[in-house]
């Protein structure tokens, strides 16, 4: 007996943000295969669950980072490079913005969404609700690693979707979701975890 099927989608389903903060009703125009597959997964989840009368919840995270990350996202690459004395490369000045979400916040959001009656057959952005630039990320790291070398280069090859802040008002209202980690606090805890392993 399935009480609730929870599908992990992605903010990549929106493609280039047409407005910010991007709410759950924002147009879905994925720009790459990953975003397209995630959107297809949402449609399959809804169709399957309607057909077999299974309650579902769809969650759209964004730029998740933190301990035990193994997906080689930009946050993991930046922090590991900084700790290993390697340079950070910022494309186009590092102005691209992401709604970085600390792993503990997203985990808490998943629990709320999975267990709340109000989340049944709903879609939620579960993020921090505040976009930060890659340049800001690098500058925070420089506080911990003063000798960190940051190099700026032009963008080459595939340009990722232009993103930014996601609206989390729906999750706040229906789930009482309240993120506790801004980027400064999340990076600090992530670095402390990695240092504890060495």
C-alpha atoms as a PDB file:
ATOM      1  CA  UNK A   1       0.000   0.000   0.000  1.00  0.00           C
ATOM      2  CA  UNK A   2       1.534   3.314  -1.105  1.00  0.00           C
ATOM      3  CA  UNK A   3       0.564   6.247   1.104  1.00  0.00           C
ATOM      4  CA  UNK A   4       2.358   8.894  -0.969  1.00  0.00           C
ATOM      5  CA  UNK A   5       4.664   8.854  -3.993  1.00  0.00           C
ATOM      6  CA  UNK A   6       7.221  11.667  -3.811  1.00  0.00           C
ATOM      7  CA  UNK A   7       8.997  12.603  -7.033  1.00  0.00           C
ATOM      8  CA  UNK A   8      12.207  14.627  -7.036  1.00  0.00           C
ATOM      9  CA  UNK A   9      12.110  16.976  -9.988  1.00  0.00           C
ATOM     10  CA  UNK A  10      14.335  20.047 -10.486  1.00  0.00           C
ATOM     11  CA  UNK A  11      14.234  23.798 -10.991  1.00  0.00           C
ATOM     12  CA  UNK A  12      15.824  22.994 -14.361  1.00  0.00           C
ATOM     13  CA  UNK A  13      12.316  22.286 -15.692  1.00  0.00           C
ATOM     14  CA  UNK A  14      11.774  26.065 -15.913  1.00  0.00           C
ATOM     15  CA  UNK A  15      14.652  26.662 -18.320  1.00  0.00           C
ATOM     16  CA  UNK A  16      15.571  30.348 -18.538  1.00  0.00           C
ATOM     17  CA  UNK A  17      13.679  32.187 -15.810  1.00  0.00           C
ATOM     18  CA  UNK A  18      11.213  34.648 -17.314  1.00  0.00           C
ATOM     19  CA  UNK A  19      10.677  36.298 -13.929  1.00  0.00           C
ATOM     20  CA  UNK A  20      11.882  35.972 -10.355  1.00  0.00           C
ATOM     21  CA  UNK A  21      11.075  34.719  -7.911  1.00  0.00           C
ATOM     22  CA  UNK A  22       9.927  31.856 -10.135  1.00  0.00           C
ATOM     23  CA  UNK A  23       6.856  30.193  -8.667  1.00  0.00           C
ATOM     24  CA  UNK A  24       5.502  26.740  -9.420  1.00  0.00           C
ATOM     25  CA  UNK A  25       3.325  28.135 -12.229  1.00  0.00           C
ATOM     26  CA  UNK A  26       6.324  29.552 -14.106  1.00  0.00           C
ATOM     27  CA  UNK A  27       6.413  28.327 -17.746  1.00  0.00           C
ATOM     28  CA  UNK A  28       8.253  25.044 -18.170  1.00  0.00           C
ATOM     29  CA  UNK A  29      10.786  25.327 -21.012  1.00  0.00           C
ATOM     30  CA  UNK A  30      13.738  23.056 -20.147  1.00  0.00           C
ATOM     31  CA  UNK A  31      16.920  23.998 -21.948  1.00  0.00           C
ATOM     32  CA  UNK A  32      18.799  20.720 -21.679  1.00  0.00           C
ATOM     33  CA  UNK A  33      18.223  16.968 -21.553  1.00  0.00           C
ATOM     34  CA  UNK A  34      18.347  16.851 -17.739  1.00  0.00           C
ATOM     35  CA  UNK A  35      15.566  19.406 -17.380  1.00  0.00           C
ATOM     36  CA  UNK A  36      13.549  17.690 -20.102  1.00  0.00           C
ATOM     37  CA  UNK A  37      13.804  14.309 -18.390  1.00  0.00           C
ATOM     38  CA  UNK A  38      12.800  15.821 -15.050  1.00  0.00           C
ATOM     39  CA  UNK A  39       9.731  17.453 -16.625  1.00  0.00           C
ATOM     40  CA  UNK A  40       8.838  14.180 -18.366  1.00  0.00           C
ATOM     41  CA  UNK A  41       9.121  12.495 -14.970  1.00  0.00           C
ATOM     42  CA  UNK A  42       6.637  14.966 -13.511  1.00  0.00           C
ATOM     43  CA  UNK A  43       4.118  14.209 -16.260  1.00  0.00           C
ATOM     44  CA  UNK A  44       4.576  10.446 -15.869  1.00  0.00           C
ATOM     45  CA  UNK A  45       4.207  10.752 -12.078  1.00  0.00           C
ATOM     46  CA  UNK A  46       0.939  12.672 -12.407  1.00  0.00           C
ATOM     47  CA  UNK A  47      -0.471  10.383 -15.109  1.00  0.00           C
ATOM     48  CA  UNK A  48       0.498   7.158 -13.346  1.00  0.00           C
ATOM     49  CA  UNK A  49      -0.756   8.319  -9.959  1.00  0.00           C
ATOM     50  CA  UNK A  50      -4.056   9.541 -11.401  1.00  0.00           C
ATOM     51  CA  UNK A  51      -4.532   6.230 -13.213  1.00  0.00           C
ATOM     52  CA  UNK A  52      -3.915   4.124 -10.086  1.00  0.00           C
ATOM     53  CA  UNK A  53      -5.291   6.590  -7.547  1.00  0.00           C
ATOM     54  CA  UNK A  54      -1.974   7.080  -5.740  1.00  0.00           C
ATOM     55  CA  UNK A  55      -1.409  10.356  -3.865  1.00  0.00           C
ATOM     56  CA  UNK A  56       1.748  12.129  -5.033  1.00  0.00           C
ATOM     57  CA  UNK A  57       3.894  15.149  -4.298  1.00  0.00           C
ATOM     58  CA  UNK A  58       6.409  16.705  -6.685  1.00  0.00           C
ATOM     59  CA  UNK A  59       9.396  18.634  -5.340  1.00  0.00           C
ATOM     60  CA  UNK A  60      11.584  20.996  -7.348  1.00  0.00           C
ATOM     61  CA  UNK A  61      14.914  21.575  -5.567  1.00  0.00           C
ATOM     62  CA  UNK A  62      17.659  23.924  -6.730  1.00  0.00           C
ATOM     63  CA  UNK A  63      21.465  23.744  -6.505  1.00  0.00           C
ATOM     64  CA  UNK A  64      21.516  21.414  -3.497  1.00  0.00           C
ATOM     65  CA  UNK A  65      24.871  21.278  -1.689  1.00  0.00           C
ATOM     66  CA  UNK A  66      26.352  19.938   1.532  1.00  0.00           C
ATOM     67  CA  UNK A  67      28.044  16.929   3.177  1.00  0.00           C
ATOM     68  CA  UNK A  68      28.258  13.656   1.219  1.00  0.00           C
ATOM     69  CA  UNK A  69      27.473  15.361  -2.095  1.00  0.00           C
ATOM     70  CA  UNK A  70      28.892  13.209  -4.911  1.00  0.00           C
ATOM     71  CA  UNK A  71      27.138  14.703  -7.927  1.00  0.00           C
ATOM     72  CA  UNK A  72      29.965  17.053  -8.923  1.00  0.00           C
ATOM     73  CA  UNK A  73      27.790  20.153  -8.782  1.00  0.00           C
ATOM     74  CA  UNK A  74      29.514  23.518  -8.896  1.00  0.00           C
ATOM     75  CA  UNK A  75      29.370  23.897  -5.094  1.00  0.00           C
ATOM     76  CA  UNK A  76      31.151  20.586  -4.508  1.00  0.00           C
ATOM     77  CA  UNK A  77      33.772  21.375  -7.155  1.00  0.00           C
ATOM     78  CA  UNK A  78      34.413  24.861  -5.744  1.00  0.00           C
ATOM     79  CA  UNK A  79      34.761  23.713  -2.132  1.00  0.00           C
ATOM     80  CA  UNK A  80      36.942  20.702  -2.922  1.00  0.00           C
ATOM     81  CA  UNK A  81      39.189  22.789  -5.183  1.00  0.00           C
ATOM     82  CA  UNK A  82      39.536  25.418  -2.458  1.00  0.00           C
ATOM     83  CA  UNK A  83      40.459  22.810   0.137  1.00  0.00           C
ATOM     84  CA  UNK A  84      42.987  21.190  -2.190  1.00  0.00           C
ATOM     85  CA  UNK A  85      44.694  24.447  -3.148  1.00  0.00           C
ATOM     86  CA  UNK A  86      43.305  24.465  -6.675  1.00  0.00           C
ATOM     87  CA  UNK A  87      42.009  27.507  -8.511  1.00  0.00           C
ATOM     88  CA  UNK A  88      38.347  28.374  -9.030  1.00  0.00           C
ATOM     89  CA  UNK A  89      37.199  29.270 -12.519  1.00  0.00           C
ATOM     90  CA  UNK A  90      34.376  31.780 -12.869  1.00  0.00           C
ATOM     91  CA  UNK A  91      32.825  32.002 -16.310  1.00  0.00           C
ATOM     92  CA  UNK A  92      31.598  35.448 -17.396  1.00  0.00           C
ATOM     93  CA  UNK A  93      32.575  37.003 -14.079  1.00  0.00           C
ATOM     94  CA  UNK A  94      30.644  34.511 -11.992  1.00  0.00           C
ATOM     95  CA  UNK A  95      27.462  36.550 -12.366  1.00  0.00           C
ATOM     96  CA  UNK A  96      25.233  33.508 -12.871  1.00  0.00           C
ATOM     97  CA  UNK A  97      22.860  33.168  -9.930  1.00  0.00           C
ATOM     98  CA  UNK A  98      21.547  30.002  -8.318  1.00  0.00           C
ATOM     99  CA  UNK A  99      19.150  29.416  -5.452  1.00  0.00           C
ATOM    100  CA  UNK A 100      21.648  27.333  -3.464  1.00  0.00           C
ATOM    101  CA  UNK A 101      19.885  24.990  -1.036  1.00  0.00           C
ATOM    102  CA  UNK A 102      21.654  23.339   1.887  1.00  0.00           C
ATOM    103  CA  UNK A 103      21.080  19.593   2.179  1.00  0.00           C
ATOM    104  CA  UNK A 104      19.533  19.815   5.669  1.00  0.00           C
ATOM    105  CA  UNK A 105      16.928  22.299   4.449  1.00  0.00           C
ATOM    106  CA  UNK A 106      15.967  20.184   1.451  1.00  0.00           C
ATOM    107  CA  UNK A 107      15.787  17.052   3.634  1.00  0.00           C
ATOM    108  CA  UNK A 108      13.456  18.821   6.054  1.00  0.00           C
ATOM    109  CA  UNK A 109      11.339  20.018   3.137  1.00  0.00           C
ATOM    110  CA  UNK A 110      11.051  16.468   1.815  1.00  0.00           C
ATOM    111  CA  UNK A 111       9.806  15.196   5.186  1.00  0.00           C
ATOM    112  CA  UNK A 112       7.197  17.964   5.414  1.00  0.00           C
ATOM    113  CA  UNK A 113       6.030  17.390   1.840  1.00  0.00           C
ATOM    114  CA  UNK A 114       5.850  13.608   2.250  1.00  0.00           C
ATOM    115  CA  UNK A 115       3.838  13.701   5.469  1.00  0.00           C
ATOM    116  CA  UNK A 116       1.573  16.719   5.134  1.00  0.00           C
ATOM    117  CA  UNK A 117      -2.015  16.166   3.990  1.00  0.00           C
ATOM    118  CA  UNK A 118      -1.882  19.603   2.366  1.00  0.00           C
ATOM    119  CA  UNK A 119       0.915  18.406   0.069  1.00  0.00           C
ATOM    120  CA  UNK A 120      -1.188  15.702  -1.570  1.00  0.00           C
ATOM    121  CA  UNK A 121      -1.097  16.030  -5.386  1.00  0.00           C
ATOM    122  CA  UNK A 122       0.813  19.314  -5.142  1.00  0.00           C
ATOM    123  CA  UNK A 123       4.074  20.661  -6.563  1.00  0.00           C
ATOM    124  CA  UNK A 124       6.549  22.632  -4.440  1.00  0.00           C
ATOM    125  CA  UNK A 125       9.741  24.582  -4.912  1.00  0.00           C
ATOM    126  CA  UNK A 126      11.859  23.551  -1.921  1.00  0.00           C
ATOM    127  CA  UNK A 127      14.858  25.890  -1.907  1.00  0.00           C
ATOM    128  CA  UNK A 128      16.392  28.675   0.167  1.00  0.00           C
ATOM    129  CA  UNK A 129      14.342  31.278  -1.667  1.00  0.00           C
ATOM    130  CA  UNK A 130      17.328  33.556  -2.281  1.00  0.00           C
ATOM    131  CA  UNK A 131      19.586  33.408  -5.328  1.00  0.00           C
ATOM    132  CA  UNK A 132      23.299  34.066  -4.912  1.00  0.00           C
ATOM    133  CA  UNK A 133      25.943  34.473  -7.592  1.00  0.00           C
ATOM    134  CA  UNK A 134      28.840  32.110  -8.182  1.00  0.00           C
ATOM    135  CA  UNK A 135      31.112  35.081  -7.513  1.00  0.00           C
ATOM    136  CA  UNK A 136      29.564  35.475  -4.053  1.00  0.00           C
ATOM    137  CA  UNK A 137      30.120  31.753  -3.450  1.00  0.00           C
ATOM    138  CA  UNK A 138      33.797  32.112  -4.369  1.00  0.00           C
ATOM    139  CA  UNK A 139      34.203  35.194  -2.150  1.00  0.00           C
ATOM    140  CA  UNK A 140      32.751  33.346   0.845  1.00  0.00           C
ATOM    141  CA  UNK A 141      35.240  30.536   0.246  1.00  0.00           C
ATOM    142  CA  UNK A 142      38.082  33.056   0.127  1.00  0.00           C
ATOM    143  CA  UNK A 143      37.314  33.971   3.748  1.00  0.00           C
ATOM    144  CA  UNK A 144      38.287  30.412   4.732  1.00  0.00           C
ATOM    145  CA  UNK A 145      41.071  30.009   2.183  1.00  0.00           C
ATOM    146  CA  UNK A 146      42.809  33.421   1.829  1.00  0.00           C
ATOM    147  CA  UNK A 147      45.265  32.102  -0.781  1.00  0.00           C
ATOM    148  CA  UNK A 148      42.448  30.871  -3.005  1.00  0.00           C
ATOM    149  CA  UNK A 149      43.050  31.791  -6.621  1.00  0.00           C
ATOM    150  CA  UNK A 150      39.980  32.883  -8.604  1.00  0.00           C
ATOM    151  CA  UNK A 151      40.253  33.053 -12.382  1.00  0.00           C
ATOM    152  CA  UNK A 152      37.650  34.605 -14.681  1.00  0.00           C
ATOM    153  CA  UNK A 153      37.123  33.221 -18.170  1.00  0.00           C
ATOM    154  CA  UNK A 154      34.591  33.699 -20.973  1.00  0.00           C
ATOM    155  CA  UNK A 155      31.770  31.185 -21.189  1.00  0.00           C
ATOM    156  CA  UNK A 156      32.463  28.344 -23.578  1.00  0.00           C
ATOM    157  CA  UNK A 157      30.204  25.647 -25.006  1.00  0.00           C
ATOM    158  CA  UNK A 158      26.725  24.982 -23.622  1.00  0.00           C
ATOM    159  CA  UNK A 159      25.240  27.872 -21.656  1.00  0.00           C
ATOM    160  CA  UNK A 160      23.167  26.675 -18.731  1.00  0.00           C
ATOM    161  CA  UNK A 161      19.705  28.144 -18.157  1.00  0.00           C
ATOM    162  CA  UNK A 162      19.547  31.651 -16.722  1.00  0.00           C
ATOM    163  CA  UNK A 163      18.139  31.073 -13.269  1.00  0.00           C
ATOM    164  CA  UNK A 164      17.692  32.943  -9.999  1.00  0.00           C
ATOM    165  CA  UNK A 165      15.458  33.022  -6.935  1.00  0.00           C
ATOM    166  CA  UNK A 166      12.609  30.550  -6.640  1.00  0.00           C
ATOM    167  CA  UNK A 167       9.389  31.396  -4.832  1.00  0.00           C
ATOM    168  CA  UNK A 168       8.906  29.238  -1.743  1.00  0.00           C
ATOM    169  CA  UNK A 169       5.757  30.969  -0.456  1.00  0.00           C
ATOM    170  CA  UNK A 170       3.594  27.940  -1.306  1.00  0.00           C
ATOM    171  CA  UNK A 171       5.830  25.617   0.734  1.00  0.00           C
ATOM    172  CA  UNK A 172       5.874  28.117   3.598  1.00  0.00           C
ATOM    173  CA  UNK A 173       2.102  28.486   3.599  1.00  0.00           C
ATOM    174  CA  UNK A 174       1.055  24.849   3.150  1.00  0.00           C
ATOM    175  CA  UNK A 175       3.959  23.014   4.784  1.00  0.00           C
ATOM    176  CA  UNK A 176       5.315  25.555   7.272  1.00  0.00           C
ATOM    177  CA  UNK A 177       8.645  25.112   5.505  1.00  0.00           C
ATOM    178  CA  UNK A 178      11.273  27.573   6.687  1.00  0.00           C
ATOM    179  CA  UNK A 179      14.880  27.207   5.461  1.00  0.00           C
ATOM    180  CA  UNK A 180      17.483  27.726   8.184  1.00  0.00           C
ATOM    181  CA  UNK A 181      20.680  27.936   6.129  1.00  0.00           C
ATOM    182  CA  UNK A 182      21.828  30.904   4.110  1.00  0.00           C
ATOM    183  CA  UNK A 183      24.872  30.399   1.892  1.00  0.00           C
ATOM    184  CA  UNK A 184      27.332  31.603   4.543  1.00  0.00           C
ATOM    185  CA  UNK A 185      26.053  29.184   7.185  1.00  0.00           C
ATOM    186  CA  UNK A 186      25.805  26.284   4.735  1.00  0.00           C
ATOM    187  CA  UNK A 187      29.322  26.687   3.372  1.00  0.00           C
ATOM    188  CA  UNK A 188      30.736  26.936   6.902  1.00  0.00           C
ATOM    189  CA  UNK A 189      29.111  23.666   7.958  1.00  0.00           C
ATOM    190  CA  UNK A 190      30.060  21.938   4.694  1.00  0.00           C
ATOM    191  CA  UNK A 191      33.732  22.909   5.122  1.00  0.00           C
ATOM    192  CA  UNK A 192      33.723  21.796   8.758  1.00  0.00           C
ATOM    193  CA  UNK A 193      32.352  18.406   7.702  1.00  0.00           C
ATOM    194  CA  UNK A 194      35.014  17.913   5.022  1.00  0.00           C
ATOM    195  CA  UNK A 195      37.792  18.970   7.402  1.00  0.00           C
ATOM    196  CA  UNK A 196      36.562  16.452   9.957  1.00  0.00           C
ATOM    197  CA  UNK A 197      37.231  13.673   7.445  1.00  0.00           C
ATOM    198  CA  UNK A 198      40.902  14.557   6.991  1.00  0.00           C
END
